[in-house]
PDB file of all heavy atoms in Angstrom:
ATOM      1  N   ASP A   1      23.149  13.884  -9.928  1.00  0.00           N
ATOM      2  CA  ASP A   1      22.194  13.711  -8.920  1.00  0.00           C
ATOM      3  C   ASP A   1      20.962  12.872  -9.442  1.00  0.00           C
ATOM      4  O   ASP A   1      20.480  13.054 -10.560  1.00  0.00           O
ATOM      5  CB  ASP A   1      21.598  15.009  -8.361  1.00  0.00           C
ATOM      6  CG  ASP A   1      22.697  15.741  -7.621  1.00  0.00           C
ATOM      7  OD1 ASP A   1      23.643  15.050  -7.102  1.00  0.00           O
ATOM      8  OD2 ASP A   1      22.702  16.971  -7.577  1.00  0.00           O
ATOM      9  N   THR A   2      20.522  11.917  -8.708  1.00  0.00           N
ATOM     10  CA  THR A   2      19.362  11.091  -9.092  1.00  0.00           C
ATOM     11  C   THR A   2      18.036  11.742  -8.488  1.00  0.00           C
ATOM     12  O   THR A   2      18.015  12.007  -7.341  1.00  0.00           O
ATOM     13  CB  THR A   2      19.442   9.693  -8.501  1.00  0.00           C
ATOM     14  OG1 THR A   2      20.682   9.041  -9.011  1.00  0.00           O
ATOM     15  CG2 THR A   2      18.295   8.852  -8.964  1.00  0.00           C
ATOM     16  N   PRO A   3      17.004  12.023  -9.319  1.00  0.00           N
ATOM     17  CA  PRO A   3      15.839  12.689  -8.775  1.00  0.00           C
ATOM     18  C   PRO A   3      15.157  11.699  -7.765  1.00  0.00           C
ATOM     19  O   PRO A   3      15.031  10.596  -7.982  1.00  0.00           O
ATOM     20  CB  PRO A   3      14.970  12.897 -10.035  1.00  0.00           C
ATOM     21  CG  PRO A   3      15.561  11.932 -10.981  1.00  0.00           C
ATOM     22  CD  PRO A   3      16.993  11.795 -10.730  1.00  0.00           C
ATOM     23  N   VAL A   4      14.617  12.428  -6.664  1.00  0.00           N
ATOM     24  CA  VAL A   4      13.836  11.603  -5.680  1.00  0.00           C
ATOM     25  C   VAL A   4      12.510  11.305  -6.192  1.00  0.00           C
ATOM     26  O   VAL A   4      11.786  12.132  -6.704  1.00  0.00           O
ATOM     27  CB  VAL A   4      13.762  12.452  -4.349  1.00  0.00           C
ATOM     28  CG1 VAL A   4      12.991  11.631  -3.297  1.00  0.00           C
ATOM     29  CG2 VAL A   4      15.157  12.709  -3.839  1.00  0.00           C
ATOM     30  N   VAL A   5      12.091  10.096  -6.007  1.00  0.00           N
ATOM     31  CA  VAL A   5      10.843   9.613  -6.499  1.00  0.00           C
ATOM     32  C   VAL A   5       9.990   9.213  -5.183  1.00  0.00           C
ATOM     33  O   VAL A   5      10.431   8.310  -4.428  1.00  0.00           O
ATOM     34  CB  VAL A   5      10.871   8.369  -7.432  1.00  0.00           C
ATOM     35  CG1 VAL A   5       9.465   7.927  -7.838  1.00  0.00           C
ATOM     36  CG2 VAL A   5      11.704   8.696  -8.619  1.00  0.00           C
ATOM     37  N   SER A   6       8.862   9.933  -4.926  1.00  0.00           N
ATOM     38  CA  SER A   6       8.072   9.550  -3.711  1.00  0.00           C
ATOM     39  C   SER A   6       7.302   8.315  -3.994  1.00  0.00           C
ATOM     40  O   SER A   6       7.119   7.882  -5.091  1.00  0.00           O
ATOM     41  CB  SER A   6       7.098  10.800  -3.465  1.00  0.00           C
ATOM     42  OG  SER A   6       6.171  10.933  -4.551  1.00  0.00           O
ATOM     43  N   GLU A   7       6.756   7.775  -2.879  1.00  0.00           N
ATOM     44  CA  GLU A   7       5.995   6.546  -2.983  1.00  0.00           C
ATOM     45  C   GLU A   7       4.704   6.845  -3.906  1.00  0.00           C
ATOM     46  O   GLU A   7       4.162   5.936  -4.410  1.00  0.00           O
ATOM     47  CB  GLU A   7       5.619   6.042  -1.638  1.00  0.00           C
ATOM     48  CG  GLU A   7       6.851   5.565  -0.827  1.00  0.00           C
ATOM     49  CD  GLU A   7       6.376   4.876   0.431  1.00  0.00           C
ATOM     50  OE1 GLU A   7       5.202   4.704   0.643  1.00  0.00           O
ATOM     51  OE2 GLU A   7       7.281   4.528   1.256  1.00  0.00           O
ATOM     52  N   GLU A   8       4.158   8.085  -3.797  1.00  0.00           N
ATOM     53  CA  GLU A   8       2.929   8.349  -4.633  1.00  0.00           C
ATOM     54  C   GLU A   8       3.299   8.539  -6.027  1.00  0.00           C
ATOM     55  O   GLU A   8       2.390   8.537  -6.926  1.00  0.00           O
ATOM     56  CB  GLU A   8       2.297   9.685  -3.997  1.00  0.00           C
ATOM     57  CG  GLU A   8       1.691   9.452  -2.654  1.00  0.00           C
ATOM     58  CD  GLU A   8       2.734   9.502  -1.535  1.00  0.00           C
ATOM     59  OE1 GLU A   8       3.883   9.963  -1.772  1.00  0.00           O
ATOM     60  OE2 GLU A   8       2.515   9.120  -0.370  1.00  0.00           O
ATOM     61  N   SER A   9       4.527   8.895  -6.433  1.00  0.00           N
ATOM     62  CA  SER A   9       4.888   9.179  -7.758  1.00  0.00           C
ATOM     63  C   SER A   9       4.835   7.955  -8.607  1.00  0.00           C
ATOM     64  O   SER A   9       5.236   6.882  -8.141  1.00  0.00           O
ATOM     65  CB  SER A   9       6.274   9.829  -7.875  1.00  0.00           C
ATOM     66  OG  SER A   9       6.418  10.991  -7.134  1.00  0.00           O
ATOM     67  N   PRO A  10       4.302   7.988  -9.855  1.00  0.00           N
ATOM     68  CA  PRO A  10       4.217   6.818 -10.671  1.00  0.00           C
ATOM     69  C   PRO A  10       5.670   6.323 -11.084  1.00  0.00           C
ATOM     70  O   PRO A  10       6.561   7.223 -11.345  1.00  0.00           O
ATOM     71  CB  PRO A  10       3.461   7.290 -11.905  1.00  0.00           C
ATOM     72  CG  PRO A  10       3.627   8.782 -11.924  1.00  0.00           C
ATOM     73  CD  PRO A  10       3.712   9.229 -10.417  1.00  0.00           C
ATOM     74  N   LYS A  11       5.860   5.029 -11.265  1.00  0.00           N
ATOM     75  CA  LYS A  11       7.145   4.574 -11.681  1.00  0.00           C
ATOM     76  C   LYS A  11       7.331   4.883 -13.155  1.00  0.00           C
ATOM     77  O   LYS A  11       6.358   4.926 -13.968  1.00  0.00           O
ATOM     78  CB  LYS A  11       7.215   3.054 -11.458  1.00  0.00           C
ATOM     79  CG  LYS A  11       7.128   2.563 -10.082  1.00  0.00           C
ATOM     80  CD  LYS A  11       7.268   1.097  -9.943  1.00  0.00           C
ATOM     81  CE  LYS A  11       7.223   0.684  -8.523  1.00  0.00           C
ATOM     82  NZ  LYS A  11       7.379  -0.851  -8.372  1.00  0.00           N
ATOM     83  N   PRO A  12       8.567   5.322 -13.503  1.00  0.00           N
ATOM     84  CA  PRO A  12       8.870   5.681 -14.875  1.00  0.00           C
ATOM     85  C   PRO A  12       8.537   4.431 -15.871  1.00  0.00           C
ATOM     86  O   PRO A  12       8.896   3.277 -15.534  1.00  0.00           O
ATOM     87  CB  PRO A  12      10.349   5.913 -14.843  1.00  0.00           C
ATOM     88  CG  PRO A  12      10.901   5.323 -13.697  1.00  0.00           C
ATOM     89  CD  PRO A  12       9.773   5.302 -12.673  1.00  0.00           C
ATOM     90  N   GLU A  13       7.861   4.778 -16.873  1.00  0.00           N
ATOM     91  CA  GLU A  13       7.571   3.696 -17.826  1.00  0.00           C
ATOM     92  C   GLU A  13       8.564   3.550 -18.905  1.00  0.00           C
ATOM     93  O   GLU A  13       8.655   2.546 -19.640  1.00  0.00           O
ATOM     94  CB  GLU A  13       6.175   4.084 -18.510  1.00  0.00           C
ATOM     95  CG  GLU A  13       5.068   4.048 -17.478  1.00  0.00           C
ATOM     96  CD  GLU A  13       3.631   4.445 -18.117  1.00  0.00           C
ATOM     97  OE1 GLU A  13       3.650   4.689 -19.370  1.00  0.00           O
ATOM     98  OE2 GLU A  13       2.694   4.475 -17.410  1.00  0.00           O
ATOM     99  N   VAL A  14       9.419   4.532 -19.142  1.00  0.00           N
ATOM    100  CA  VAL A  14      10.403   4.544 -20.165  1.00  0.00           C
ATOM    101  C   VAL A  14      11.736   4.396 -19.554  1.00  0.00           C
ATOM    102  O   VAL A  14      12.061   5.132 -18.626  1.00  0.00           O
ATOM    103  CB  VAL A  14      10.351   5.830 -21.037  1.00  0.00           C
ATOM    104  CG1 VAL A  14      11.410   5.744 -22.076  1.00  0.00           C
ATOM    105  CG2 VAL A  14       9.015   5.991 -21.637  1.00  0.00           C
ATOM    106  N   PRO A  15      12.571   3.441 -19.914  1.00  0.00           N
ATOM    107  CA  PRO A  15      13.934   3.340 -19.297  1.00  0.00           C
ATOM    108  C   PRO A  15      14.758   4.653 -19.466  1.00  0.00           C
ATOM    109  O   PRO A  15      14.734   5.277 -20.427  1.00  0.00           O
ATOM    110  CB  PRO A  15      14.551   2.217 -20.146  1.00  0.00           C
ATOM    111  CG  PRO A  15      13.455   1.512 -20.771  1.00  0.00           C
ATOM    112  CD  PRO A  15      12.410   2.496 -20.982  1.00  0.00           C
ATOM    113  N   LYS A  16      15.447   4.945 -18.406  1.00  0.00           N
ATOM    114  CA  LYS A  16      16.295   6.147 -18.419  1.00  0.00           C
ATOM    115  C   LYS A  16      17.606   5.838 -19.124  1.00  0.00           C
ATOM    116  O   LYS A  16      18.063   4.701 -19.049  1.00  0.00           O
ATOM    117  CB  LYS A  16      16.576   6.575 -16.885  1.00  0.00           C
ATOM    118  CG  LYS A  16      15.351   7.077 -16.168  1.00  0.00           C
ATOM    119  CD  LYS A  16      15.705   7.615 -14.792  1.00  0.00           C
ATOM    120  CE  LYS A  16      14.505   8.139 -14.078  1.00  0.00           C
ATOM    121  NZ  LYS A  16      14.876   8.646 -12.702  1.00  0.00           N
ATOM    122  N   GLU A  17      18.182   6.859 -19.686  1.00  0.00           N
ATOM    123  CA  GLU A  17      19.493   6.677 -20.228  1.00  0.00           C
ATOM    124  C   GLU A  17      20.526   6.376 -19.137  1.00  0.00           C
ATOM    125  O   GLU A  17      20.585   7.085 -18.101  1.00  0.00           O
ATOM    126  CB  GLU A  17      19.890   7.909 -20.999  1.00  0.00           C
ATOM    127  CG  GLU A  17      21.251   7.724 -21.659  1.00  0.00           C
ATOM    128  CD  GLU A  17      21.592   8.964 -22.507  1.00  0.00           C
ATOM    129  OE1 GLU A  17      20.720   9.818 -22.632  1.00  0.00           O
ATOM    130  OE2 GLU A  17      22.751   9.052 -23.013  1.00  0.00           O
ATOM    131  N   VAL A  18      21.347   5.387 -19.299  1.00  0.00           N
ATOM    132  CA  VAL A  18      22.290   5.000 -18.342  1.00  0.00           C
ATOM    133  C   VAL A  18      23.572   5.714 -18.545  1.00  0.00           C
ATOM    134  O   VAL A  18      24.225   5.790 -19.618  1.00  0.00           O
ATOM    135  CB  VAL A  18      22.636   3.445 -18.419  1.00  0.00           C
ATOM    136  CG1 VAL A  18      23.622   3.038 -17.433  1.00  0.00           C
ATOM    137  CG2 VAL A  18      21.285   2.636 -18.285  1.00  0.00           C
ATOM    138  N   SER A  19      24.019   6.397 -17.483  1.00  0.00           N
ATOM    139  CA  SER A  19      25.244   7.156 -17.549  1.00  0.00           C
ATOM    140  C   SER A  19      26.457   6.248 -17.792  1.00  0.00           C
ATOM    141  O   SER A  19      26.512   5.119 -17.270  1.00  0.00           O
ATOM    142  CB  SER A  19      25.426   7.983 -16.287  1.00  0.00           C
ATOM    143  OG  SER A  19      26.707   8.472 -16.164  1.00  0.00           O
ATOM    144  N   LYS A  20      27.426   6.764 -18.558  1.00  0.00           N
ATOM    145  CA  LYS A  20      28.667   6.025 -18.755  1.00  0.00           C
ATOM    146  C   LYS A  20      29.365   5.744 -17.339  1.00  0.00           C
ATOM    147  O   LYS A  20      30.195   4.857 -17.270  1.00  0.00           O
ATOM    148  CB  LYS A  20      29.548   6.641 -19.702  1.00  0.00           C
ATOM    149  CG  LYS A  20      29.042   6.731 -21.132  1.00  0.00           C
ATOM    150  CD  LYS A  20      29.952   7.339 -22.038  1.00  0.00           C
ATOM    151  CE  LYS A  20      29.465   7.378 -23.478  1.00  0.00           C
ATOM    152  NZ  LYS A  20      30.402   8.118 -24.436  1.00  0.00           N
ATOM    153  N   ASP A  21      29.025   6.649 -16.405  1.00  0.00           N
ATOM    154  CA  ASP A  21      29.774   6.477 -15.130  1.00  0.00           C
ATOM    155  C   ASP A  21      29.042   5.649 -14.118  1.00  0.00           C
ATOM    156  O   ASP A  21      29.423   5.539 -12.970  1.00  0.00           O
ATOM    157  CB  ASP A  21      29.931   7.951 -14.548  1.00  0.00           C
ATOM    158  CG  ASP A  21      30.804   8.798 -15.365  1.00  0.00           C
ATOM    159  OD1 ASP A  21      31.806   8.295 -15.937  1.00  0.00           O
ATOM    160  OD2 ASP A  21      30.463  10.034 -15.473  1.00  0.00           O
ATOM    161  N   LEU A  22      27.904   4.986 -14.647  1.00  0.00           N
ATOM    162  CA  LEU A  22      27.086   4.188 -13.734  1.00  0.00           C
ATOM    163  C   LEU A  22      27.926   3.062 -13.232  1.00  0.00           C
ATOM    164  O   LEU A  22      28.613   2.388 -13.982  1.00  0.00           O
ATOM    165  CB  LEU A  22      25.856   3.680 -14.509  1.00  0.00           C
ATOM    166  CG  LEU A  22      24.921   2.830 -13.691  1.00  0.00           C
ATOM    167  CD1 LEU A  22      24.303   3.570 -12.487  1.00  0.00           C
ATOM    168  CD2 LEU A  22      23.850   2.283 -14.559  1.00  0.00           C
ATOM    169  N   LYS A  23      27.882   2.791 -11.922  1.00  0.00           N
ATOM    170  CA  LYS A  23      28.661   1.662 -11.357  1.00  0.00           C
ATOM    171  C   LYS A  23      27.842   0.401 -11.470  1.00  0.00           C
ATOM    172  O   LYS A  23      26.807   0.109 -11.047  1.00  0.00           O
ATOM    173  CB  LYS A  23      28.803   1.856  -9.826  1.00  0.00           C
ATOM    174  CG  LYS A  23      29.687   0.857  -9.092  1.00  0.00           C
ATOM    175  CD  LYS A  23      29.848   1.197  -7.755  1.00  0.00           C
ATOM    176  CE  LYS A  23      30.581   0.119  -6.925  1.00  0.00           C
ATOM    177  NZ  LYS A  23      31.897  -0.003  -7.379  1.00  0.00           N
ATOM    178  N   LEU A  24      28.453  -0.539 -12.374  1.00  0.00           N
ATOM    179  CA  LEU A  24      27.844  -1.784 -12.683  1.00  0.00           C
ATOM    180  C   LEU A  24      28.843  -2.905 -12.105  1.00  0.00           C
ATOM    181  O   LEU A  24      30.011  -2.755 -12.178  1.00  0.00           O
ATOM    182  CB  LEU A  24      27.577  -1.999 -14.140  1.00  0.00           C
ATOM    183  CG  LEU A  24      26.653  -0.998 -14.784  1.00  0.00           C
ATOM    184  CD1 LEU A  24      26.688  -1.123 -16.253  1.00  0.00           C
ATOM    185  CD2 LEU A  24      25.295  -1.163 -14.212  1.00  0.00           C
ATOM    186  N   SER A  25      28.290  -4.045 -11.761  1.00  0.00           N
ATOM    187  CA  SER A  25      29.042  -5.150 -11.363  1.00  0.00           C
ATOM    188  C   SER A  25      29.794  -5.773 -12.523  1.00  0.00           C
ATOM    189  O   SER A  25      29.319  -5.676 -13.641  1.00  0.00           O
ATOM    190  CB  SER A  25      28.258  -6.236 -10.693  1.00  0.00           C
ATOM    191  OG  SER A  25      27.366  -6.871 -11.579  1.00  0.00           O
ATOM    192  N   PRO A  26      30.946  -6.459 -12.346  1.00  0.00           N
ATOM    193  CA  PRO A  26      31.636  -7.140 -13.523  1.00  0.00           C
ATOM    194  C   PRO A  26      30.768  -8.021 -14.232  1.00  0.00           C
ATOM    195  O   PRO A  26      30.842  -8.164 -15.453  1.00  0.00           O
ATOM    196  CB  PRO A  26      32.805  -7.768 -12.774  1.00  0.00           C
ATOM    197  CG  PRO A  26      33.036  -7.028 -11.567  1.00  0.00           C
ATOM    198  CD  PRO A  26      31.683  -6.625 -11.073  1.00  0.00           C
TER     199      PRO A  26
END
């Protein structure tokens, strides 16, 4: 599950770890 980020919440400053299951384009 991806945590919900409200509009008031600050954007993450540190890149999140990318799951191996993440759907990426070719």
